[in-house]
C-alpha atoms as a PDB file:
ATOM      1  CA  MET A   1     110.862  59.910  92.006  1.00  0.00           C
ATOM      2  CA  THR A   2     109.718  60.864  95.501  1.00  0.00           C
ATOM      3  CA  GLN A   3     106.312  62.503  95.616  1.00  0.00           C
ATOM      4  CA  ILE A   4     105.823  65.402  97.988  1.00  0.00           C
ATOM      5  CA  PRO A   5     102.952  64.699 100.407  1.00  0.00           C
ATOM      6  CA  ALA A   6      99.855  66.813  99.829  1.00  0.00           C
ATOM      7  CA  THR A   7     100.112  68.250 103.348  1.00  0.00           C
ATOM      8  CA  ARG A   8     103.526  69.654 102.526  1.00  0.00           C
ATOM      9  CA  ARG A   9     102.668  71.217  99.213  1.00  0.00           C
ATOM     10  CA  ARG A  10     102.174  74.942  99.190  1.00  0.00           C
ATOM     11  CA  ARG A  11     100.519  77.003  96.566  1.00  0.00           C
ATOM     12  CA  PRO A  12     102.249  80.243  95.609  1.00  0.00           C
ATOM     13  CA  ASP A  13     101.347  82.813  98.259  1.00  0.00           C
ATOM     14  CA  GLY A  14     102.875  85.944  96.785  1.00  0.00           C
ATOM     15  CA  PRO A  15     104.815  88.486  98.855  1.00  0.00           C
ATOM     16  CA  ASN A  16     104.591  88.301 102.627  1.00  0.00           C
ATOM     17  CA  ALA A  17     101.710  90.629 103.550  1.00  0.00           C
ATOM     18  CA  GLY A  18     103.237  91.451 106.920  1.00  0.00           C
ATOM     19  CA  VAL A  19     106.498  92.564 105.317  1.00  0.00           C
ATOM     20  CA  LEU A  20     104.538  94.682 102.829  1.00  0.00           C
ATOM     21  CA  GLY A  21     102.786  96.288 105.789  1.00  0.00           C
ATOM     22  CA  ILE A  22     106.130  97.065 107.412  1.00  0.00           C
ATOM     23  CA  VAL A  23     107.401  98.729 104.231  1.00  0.00           C
ATOM     24  CA  ALA A  24     104.222 100.780 103.768  1.00  0.00           C
ATOM     25  CA  LEU A  25     104.188 101.968 107.389  1.00  0.00           C
ATOM     26  CA  ALA A  26     107.920 102.758 107.384  1.00  0.00           C
ATOM     27  CA  LEU A  27     107.662 104.829 104.202  1.00  0.00           C
ATOM     28  CA  THR A  28     104.598 106.631 105.540  1.00  0.00           C
ATOM     29  CA  ILE A  29     106.393 107.544 108.764  1.00  0.00           C
ATOM     30  CA  ALA A  30     109.438 108.616 106.754  1.00  0.00           C
ATOM     31  CA  SER A  31     107.276 110.884 104.569  1.00  0.00           C
ATOM     32  CA  VAL A  32     106.311 112.798 107.714  1.00  0.00           C
ATOM     33  CA  ALA A  33     109.532 112.656 109.723  1.00  0.00           C
ATOM     34  CA  VAL A  34     112.365 112.900 107.166  1.00  0.00           C
ATOM     35  CA  PRO A  35     111.476 115.941 104.976  1.00  0.00           C
ATOM     36  CA  PRO A  36     111.533 118.377 107.938  1.00  0.00           C
ATOM     37  CA  LEU A  37     115.256 117.654 108.213  1.00  0.00           C
ATOM     38  CA  LEU A  38     115.603 119.505 104.897  1.00  0.00           C
ATOM     39  CA  ALA A  39     113.195 122.246 105.956  1.00  0.00           C
ATOM     40  CA  ALA A  40     114.874 123.441 109.140  1.00  0.00           C
ATOM     41  CA  GLY A  41     112.439 121.454 111.279  1.00  0.00           C
ATOM     42  CA  ASN A  42     109.322 122.783 109.563  1.00  0.00           C
ATOM     43  CA  PHE A  43     106.679 120.152 108.869  1.00  0.00           C
ATOM     44  CA  PHE A  44     104.481 119.974 105.779  1.00  0.00           C
ATOM     45  CA  PRO A  45     101.863 122.728 106.177  1.00  0.00           C
ATOM     46  CA  SER A  46      98.159 122.125 106.673  1.00  0.00           C
ATOM     47  CA  PRO A  47      96.092 123.483 103.773  1.00  0.00           C
ATOM     48  CA  THR A  48      93.806 125.137 106.318  1.00  0.00           C
ATOM     49  CA  GLY A  49      96.564 127.641 107.018  1.00  0.00           C
ATOM     50  CA  SER A  50      96.895 130.999 105.306  1.00  0.00           C
ATOM     51  CA  THR A  51      97.785 131.248 101.635  1.00  0.00           C
ATOM     52  CA  THR A  52     100.953 133.123 102.552  1.00  0.00           C
ATOM     53  CA  ALA A  53     102.124 130.410 104.955  1.00  0.00           C
ATOM     54  CA  VAL A  54     101.287 127.495 102.658  1.00  0.00           C
ATOM     55  CA  SER A  55     102.716 128.956  99.453  1.00  0.00           C
ATOM     56  CA  GLY A  56     105.724 130.273 101.367  1.00  0.00           C
ATOM     57  CA  TYR A  57     106.578 126.769 102.575  1.00  0.00           C
ATOM     58  CA  PHE A  58     106.398 125.342  99.047  1.00  0.00           C
ATOM     59  CA  SER A  59     108.588 128.117  97.684  1.00  0.00           C
ATOM     60  CA  ALA A  60     111.179 128.028 100.455  1.00  0.00           C
ATOM     61  CA  HIS A  61     111.503 124.261 100.935  1.00  0.00           C
ATOM     62  CA  ARG A  62     111.278 122.692  97.497  1.00  0.00           C
ATOM     63  CA  ASP A  63     113.647 119.843  98.332  1.00  0.00           C
ATOM     64  CA  ALA A  64     111.548 118.853 101.345  1.00  0.00           C
ATOM     65  CA  VAL A  65     108.334 118.991  99.297  1.00  0.00           C
ATOM     66  CA  THR A  66     109.894 116.923  96.508  1.00  0.00           C
ATOM     67  CA  LEU A  67     111.106 114.305  98.998  1.00  0.00           C
ATOM     68  CA  THR A  68     107.672 114.198 100.638  1.00  0.00           C
ATOM     69  CA  GLY A  69     106.074 113.507  97.276  1.00  0.00           C
ATOM     70  CA  PHE A  70     108.596 110.783  96.503  1.00  0.00           C
ATOM     71  CA  LEU A  71     108.093 108.990  99.831  1.00  0.00           C
ATOM     72  CA  VAL A  72     104.290 109.247  99.671  1.00  0.00           C
ATOM     73  CA  PHE A  73     104.285 107.782  96.162  1.00  0.00           C
ATOM     74  CA  ALA A  74     106.670 105.025  97.272  1.00  0.00           C
ATOM     75  CA  ALA A  75     104.339 104.126 100.160  1.00  0.00           C
ATOM     76  CA  SER A  76     101.440 103.623  97.756  1.00  0.00           C
ATOM     77  CA  VAL A  77     103.092 100.709  95.948  1.00  0.00           C
ATOM     78  CA  PRO A  78     103.254  98.123  98.762  1.00  0.00           C
ATOM     79  CA  ILE A  79      99.669  98.980  99.772  1.00  0.00           C
ATOM     80  CA  GLY A  80      98.364  97.936  96.355  1.00  0.00           C
ATOM     81  CA  ILE A  81     100.399  94.720  96.422  1.00  0.00           C
ATOM     82  CA  TYR A  82      99.199  94.054  99.981  1.00  0.00           C
ATOM     83  CA  ALA A  83      95.553  94.336  98.895  1.00  0.00           C
ATOM     84  CA  ALA A  84      96.034  91.849  96.052  1.00  0.00           C
ATOM     85  CA  THR A  85      97.940  89.424  98.291  1.00  0.00           C
ATOM     86  CA  VAL A  86      95.365  89.461 101.093  1.00  0.00           C
ATOM     87  CA  TYR A  87      92.503  89.159  98.598  1.00  0.00           C
ATOM     88  CA  ALA A  88      94.031  85.957  97.214  1.00  0.00           C
ATOM     89  CA  ARG A  89      94.679  84.653 100.715  1.00  0.00           C
ATOM     90  CA  LEU A  90      91.092  85.239 101.857  1.00  0.00           C
ATOM     91  CA  LEU A  91      89.789  83.383  98.807  1.00  0.00           C
ATOM     92  CA  ARG A  92      92.171  80.525  99.552  1.00  0.00           C
ATOM     93  CA  LEU A  93      90.772  80.421 103.085  1.00  0.00           C
ATOM     94  CA  GLY A  94      87.330  79.830 101.621  1.00  0.00           C
ATOM     95  CA  VAL A  95      85.860  83.284 102.283  1.00  0.00           C
ATOM     96  CA  ARG A  96      83.006  83.611  99.800  1.00  0.00           C
ATOM     97  CA  VAL A  97      81.332  86.766 101.131  1.00  0.00           C
ATOM     98  CA  PRO A  98      81.852  90.324  99.771  1.00  0.00           C
ATOM     99  CA  GLY A  99      84.629  91.017 102.293  1.00  0.00           C
ATOM    100  CA  PRO A 100      87.615  90.082 100.102  1.00  0.00           C
ATOM    101  CA  THR A 101      86.284  92.099  97.157  1.00  0.00           C
ATOM    102  CA  ILE A 102      85.615  95.095  99.404  1.00  0.00           C
ATOM    103  CA  ALA A 103      89.144  94.786 100.758  1.00  0.00           C
ATOM    104  CA  LEU A 104      90.603  94.622  97.241  1.00  0.00           C
ATOM    105  CA  PHE A 105      88.581  97.635  96.101  1.00  0.00           C
ATOM    106  CA  GLY A 106      89.541  99.640  99.176  1.00  0.00           C
ATOM    107  CA  GLY A 107      93.208  98.716  98.888  1.00  0.00           C
ATOM    108  CA  ILE A 108      93.424  99.606  95.201  1.00  0.00           C
ATOM    109  CA  ALA A 109      91.556 102.870  95.800  1.00  0.00           C
ATOM    110  CA  ALA A 110      93.874 103.743  98.696  1.00  0.00           C
ATOM    111  CA  SER A 111      96.975 102.903  96.650  1.00  0.00           C
ATOM    112  CA  VAL A 112      95.879 104.888  93.582  1.00  0.00           C
ATOM    113  CA  LEU A 113      94.767 107.940  95.576  1.00  0.00           C
ATOM    114  CA  LEU A 114      97.965 107.956  97.631  1.00  0.00           C
ATOM    115  CA  SER A 115     100.098 107.682  94.503  1.00  0.00           C
ATOM    116  CA  LEU A 116      98.239 110.617  92.942  1.00  0.00           C
ATOM    117  CA  SER A 117      98.754 112.647  96.089  1.00  0.00           C
ATOM    118  CA  GLY A 118     102.460 111.840  96.066  1.00  0.00           C
ATOM    119  CA  LEU A 119     102.878 112.821  92.425  1.00  0.00           C
ATOM    120  CA  LEU A 120     100.978 116.074  92.922  1.00  0.00           C
ATOM    121  CA  THR A 121     103.094 116.857  95.980  1.00  0.00           C
ATOM    122  CA  TRP A 122     106.234 116.168  93.966  1.00  0.00           C
ATOM    123  CA  ALA A 123     104.966 118.587  91.298  1.00  0.00           C
ATOM    124  CA  LEU A 124     104.448 121.269  93.954  1.00  0.00           C
ATOM    125  CA  GLY A 125     108.129 121.076  94.793  1.00  0.00           C
ATOM    126  CA  GLN A 126     109.376 121.750  91.264  1.00  0.00           C
ATOM    127  CA  PRO A 127     110.984 125.155  90.545  1.00  0.00           C
ATOM    128  CA  VAL A 128     108.430 126.733  88.212  1.00  0.00           C
ATOM    129  CA  SER A 129     108.854 130.472  87.799  1.00  0.00           C
ATOM    130  CA  GLY A 130     105.918 132.770  88.385  1.00  0.00           C
ATOM    131  CA  GLN A 131     103.894 130.340  90.510  1.00  0.00           C
ATOM    132  CA  SER A 132     100.721 131.853  91.906  1.00  0.00           C
ATOM    133  CA  PRO A 133     100.412 131.609  95.711  1.00  0.00           C
ATOM    134  CA  ALA A 134      96.674 131.018  95.327  1.00  0.00           C
ATOM    135  CA  LEU A 135      97.308 128.167  92.889  1.00  0.00           C
ATOM    136  CA  LEU A 136      99.832 126.555  95.219  1.00  0.00           C
ATOM    137  CA  HIS A 137      97.324 126.795  98.057  1.00  0.00           C
ATOM    138  CA  THR A 138      94.601 125.258  95.903  1.00  0.00           C
ATOM    139  CA  PHE A 139      96.812 122.305  95.008  1.00  0.00           C
ATOM    140  CA  ALA A 140      97.622 121.868  98.697  1.00  0.00           C
ATOM    141  CA  PHE A 141      93.901 121.345  99.290  1.00  0.00           C
ATOM    142  CA  VAL A 142      93.763 118.893  96.376  1.00  0.00           C
ATOM    143  CA  THR A 143      96.601 116.769  97.762  1.00  0.00           C
ATOM    144  CA  TYR A 144      94.954 116.896 101.209  1.00  0.00           C
ATOM    145  CA  ALA A 145      91.620 115.692  99.826  1.00  0.00           C
ATOM    146  CA  ILE A 146      93.159 112.918  97.715  1.00  0.00           C
ATOM    147  CA  GLY A 147      95.961 111.715  99.966  1.00  0.00           C
ATOM    148  CA  GLY A 148      94.209 112.453 103.244  1.00  0.00           C
ATOM    149  CA  VAL A 149      90.457 111.911 103.147  1.00  0.00           C
ATOM    150  CA  GLY A 150      90.424 109.753 100.010  1.00  0.00           C
ATOM    151  CA  PHE A 151      93.326 107.550 101.041  1.00  0.00           C
ATOM    152  CA  VAL A 152      92.110 106.986 104.604  1.00  0.00           C
ATOM    153  CA  GLY A 153      88.619 106.187 103.319  1.00  0.00           C
ATOM    154  CA  GLY A 154      90.027 103.512 101.021  1.00  0.00           C
ATOM    155  CA  LEU A 155      92.226 102.179 103.811  1.00  0.00           C
ATOM    156  CA  GLY A 156      89.151 101.842 106.010  1.00  0.00           C
ATOM    157  CA  LEU A 157      87.437  99.677 103.406  1.00  0.00           C
ATOM    158  CA  LEU A 158      90.559  97.513 103.137  1.00  0.00           C
ATOM    159  CA  MET A 159      90.556  96.973 106.901  1.00  0.00           C
ATOM    160  CA  ALA A 160      86.821  96.305 107.097  1.00  0.00           C
ATOM    161  CA  GLY A 161      86.997  93.791 104.252  1.00  0.00           C
ATOM    162  CA  ILE A 162      89.599  91.829 106.211  1.00  0.00           C
ATOM    163  CA  ALA A 163      88.261  92.321 109.738  1.00  0.00           C
ATOM    164  CA  VAL A 164      84.683  91.150 109.135  1.00  0.00           C
ATOM    165  CA  PRO A 165      85.619  87.700 107.717  1.00  0.00           C
ATOM    166  CA  ALA A 166      88.375  87.433 110.337  1.00  0.00           C
ATOM    167  CA  LEU A 167      85.804  88.011 113.070  1.00  0.00           C
ATOM    168  CA  ILE A 168      83.117  85.702 111.705  1.00  0.00           C
ATOM    169  CA  LEU A 169      85.454  82.833 110.756  1.00  0.00           C
ATOM    170  CA  ARG A 170      87.878  83.403 113.653  1.00  0.00           C
ATOM    171  CA  LEU A 171      90.829  83.796 111.354  1.00  0.00           C
ATOM    172  CA  THR A 172      92.454  86.079 113.938  1.00  0.00           C
ATOM    173  CA  PRO A 173      91.862  86.692 117.648  1.00  0.00           C
ATOM    174  CA  ARG A 174      88.446  88.282 118.135  1.00  0.00           C
ATOM    175  CA  TRP A 175      89.812  91.331 119.930  1.00  0.00           C
ATOM    176  CA  PHE A 176      92.119  92.003 117.000  1.00  0.00           C
ATOM    177  CA  ALA A 177      89.292  91.776 114.456  1.00  0.00           C
ATOM    178  CA  TRP A 178      87.153  94.128 116.580  1.00  0.00           C
ATOM    179  CA  ALA A 179      90.055  96.594 116.807  1.00  0.00           C
ATOM    180  CA  GLY A 180      90.274  96.577 113.013  1.00  0.00           C
ATOM    181  CA  LEU A 181      86.556  97.310 112.709  1.00  0.00           C
ATOM    182  CA  VAL A 182      86.838 100.242 115.131  1.00  0.00           C
ATOM    183  CA  VAL A 183      89.774 101.770 113.241  1.00  0.00           C
ATOM    184  CA  ALA A 184      87.967 101.148 109.942  1.00  0.00           C
ATOM    185  CA  ALA A 185      84.882 102.945 111.260  1.00  0.00           C
ATOM    186  CA  LEU A 186      86.986 105.924 112.389  1.00  0.00           C
ATOM    187  CA  SER A 187      88.628 105.978 108.952  1.00  0.00           C
ATOM    188  CA  GLU A 188      85.264 106.151 107.201  1.00  0.00           C
ATOM    189  CA  LEU A 189      84.058 108.885 109.568  1.00  0.00           C
ATOM    190  CA  SER A 190      87.042 110.971 108.445  1.00  0.00           C
ATOM    191  CA  PHE A 191      85.009 111.780 105.312  1.00  0.00           C
ATOM    192  CA  PHE A 192      83.183 114.327 107.451  1.00  0.00           C
ATOM    193  CA  ALA A 193      86.424 116.316 107.735  1.00  0.00           C
ATOM    194  CA  LEU A 194      85.538 117.724 104.304  1.00  0.00           C
ATOM    195  CA  VAL A 195      82.606 119.607 105.848  1.00  0.00           C
ATOM    196  CA  LEU A 196      83.652 119.609 109.514  1.00  0.00           C
ATOM    197  CA  PRO A 197      87.382 120.515 109.599  1.00  0.00           C
ATOM    198  CA  PRO A 198      87.756 119.795 113.353  1.00  0.00           C
ATOM    199  CA  LEU A 199      87.298 116.102 112.527  1.00  0.00           C
ATOM    200  CA  ALA A 200      90.601 116.155 110.616  1.00  0.00           C
ATOM    201  CA  PHE A 201      92.221 114.536 113.665  1.00  0.00           C
ATOM    202  CA  LEU A 202      90.657 111.273 112.446  1.00  0.00           C
ATOM    203  CA  LEU A 203      92.934 111.281 109.398  1.00  0.00           C
ATOM    204  CA  PRO A 204      96.256 110.551 111.158  1.00  0.00           C
ATOM    205  CA  LEU A 205      94.452 108.053 113.407  1.00  0.00           C
ATOM    206  CA  GLY A 206      93.112 106.186 110.390  1.00  0.00           C
ATOM    207  CA  ARG A 207      96.398 106.422 108.503  1.00  0.00           C
ATOM    208  CA  PHE A 208      98.861 105.264 111.127  1.00  0.00           C
ATOM    209  CA  LEU A 209      96.664 102.986 113.246  1.00  0.00           C
ATOM    210  CA  GLY A 210      95.217 101.523 110.051  1.00  0.00           C
ATOM    211  CA  LEU A 211      98.613 100.727 108.558  1.00  0.00           C
ATOM    212  CA  ALA A 212      99.785  99.280 111.880  1.00  0.00           C
ATOM    213  CA  TRP A 213      96.687  97.038 112.024  1.00  0.00           C
ATOM    214  CA  LEU A 214      97.193  95.886 108.443  1.00  0.00           C
ATOM    215  CA  LEU A 215     100.825  95.118 109.215  1.00  0.00           C
ATOM    216  CA  ALA A 216      99.795  92.863 112.093  1.00  0.00           C
ATOM    217  CA  ALA A 217      96.977  91.291 110.047  1.00  0.00           C
ATOM    218  CA  GLY A 218      99.489  90.336 107.374  1.00  0.00           C
ATOM    219  CA  PHE A 219     101.283  88.136 109.901  1.00  0.00           C
ATOM    220  CA  LEU A 220      98.217  86.859 111.777  1.00  0.00           C
ATOM    221  CA  LEU A 221      96.040  85.725 108.871  1.00  0.00           C
ATOM    222  CA  PRO A 222      96.406  81.992 108.181  1.00  0.00           C
ATOM    223  CA  ARG A 223      97.963  81.081 104.835  1.00  0.00           C
ATOM    224  CA  ASN A 224      95.557  78.260 104.035  1.00  0.00           C
ATOM    225  CA  ARG A 225      92.603  76.372 105.511  1.00  0.00           C
ATOM    226  CA  HIS A 226      94.829  73.829 107.232  1.00  0.00           C
ATOM    227  CA  ASP A 227      96.360  76.649 109.285  1.00  0.00           C
ATOM    228  CA  VAL A 228      92.987  77.748 110.732  1.00  0.00           C
ATOM    229  CA  PRO A 229      92.802  76.281 114.247  1.00  0.00           C
ATOM    230  CA  GLY A 230      89.569  75.575 116.102  1.00  0.00           C
ATOM    231  CA  ARG A 231      89.878  78.658 118.252  1.00  0.00           C
ATOM    232  CA  GLU A 232      88.246  78.805 121.601  1.00  0.00           C
ATOM    233  CA  GLU A 233      86.060  81.755 122.498  1.00  0.00           C
ATOM    234  CA  ARG A 234      88.351  84.642 123.362  1.00  0.00           C
END
């Protein structure tokens, strides 16, 4: 019986992290771009708007709200799997610093918070008679806090946990690791949007740039130690 050379053996690597990143980013974009097609071009309202405007949107466009909730929840699944996959890969690459654990914690937190936000959004779209406009507005703030600030904060930890080892051990190009750290820092600063609403612009930056960076990281990270080249200074 022919024995497979050790250099050709591969340990199970789980799902392709880059593909998971593509799915997560695509579903996230769809959750923003597709529902307005059912709402006559009206996008999901900001909770900082008036109670009349926010509750009116939920009452008039239930199908769009329900679809938004479904797509947001769907996007949370590949993010959790991505975190577990990258955590295992970093350990296989010999990273023995807190980075992989921080990345796993951030990814799980981001996935759980986004799934909660999606389920709450789905609930807002259900036809319940006698809904209070004030209650609808309150739940809009809850979904914003959980799926906006909370999710982006977790995503920032996921990025930082990958970018720091990637920078130190040169697992990716240095400029790419630095870009991840910058986006991660902006994501963590988005916490201040809870007390300084003008900083809310950091949330879409952290969400979309963060997911795009994670997508690229999924393809750039080596699969095992033998794939780590002796990189020159970049």
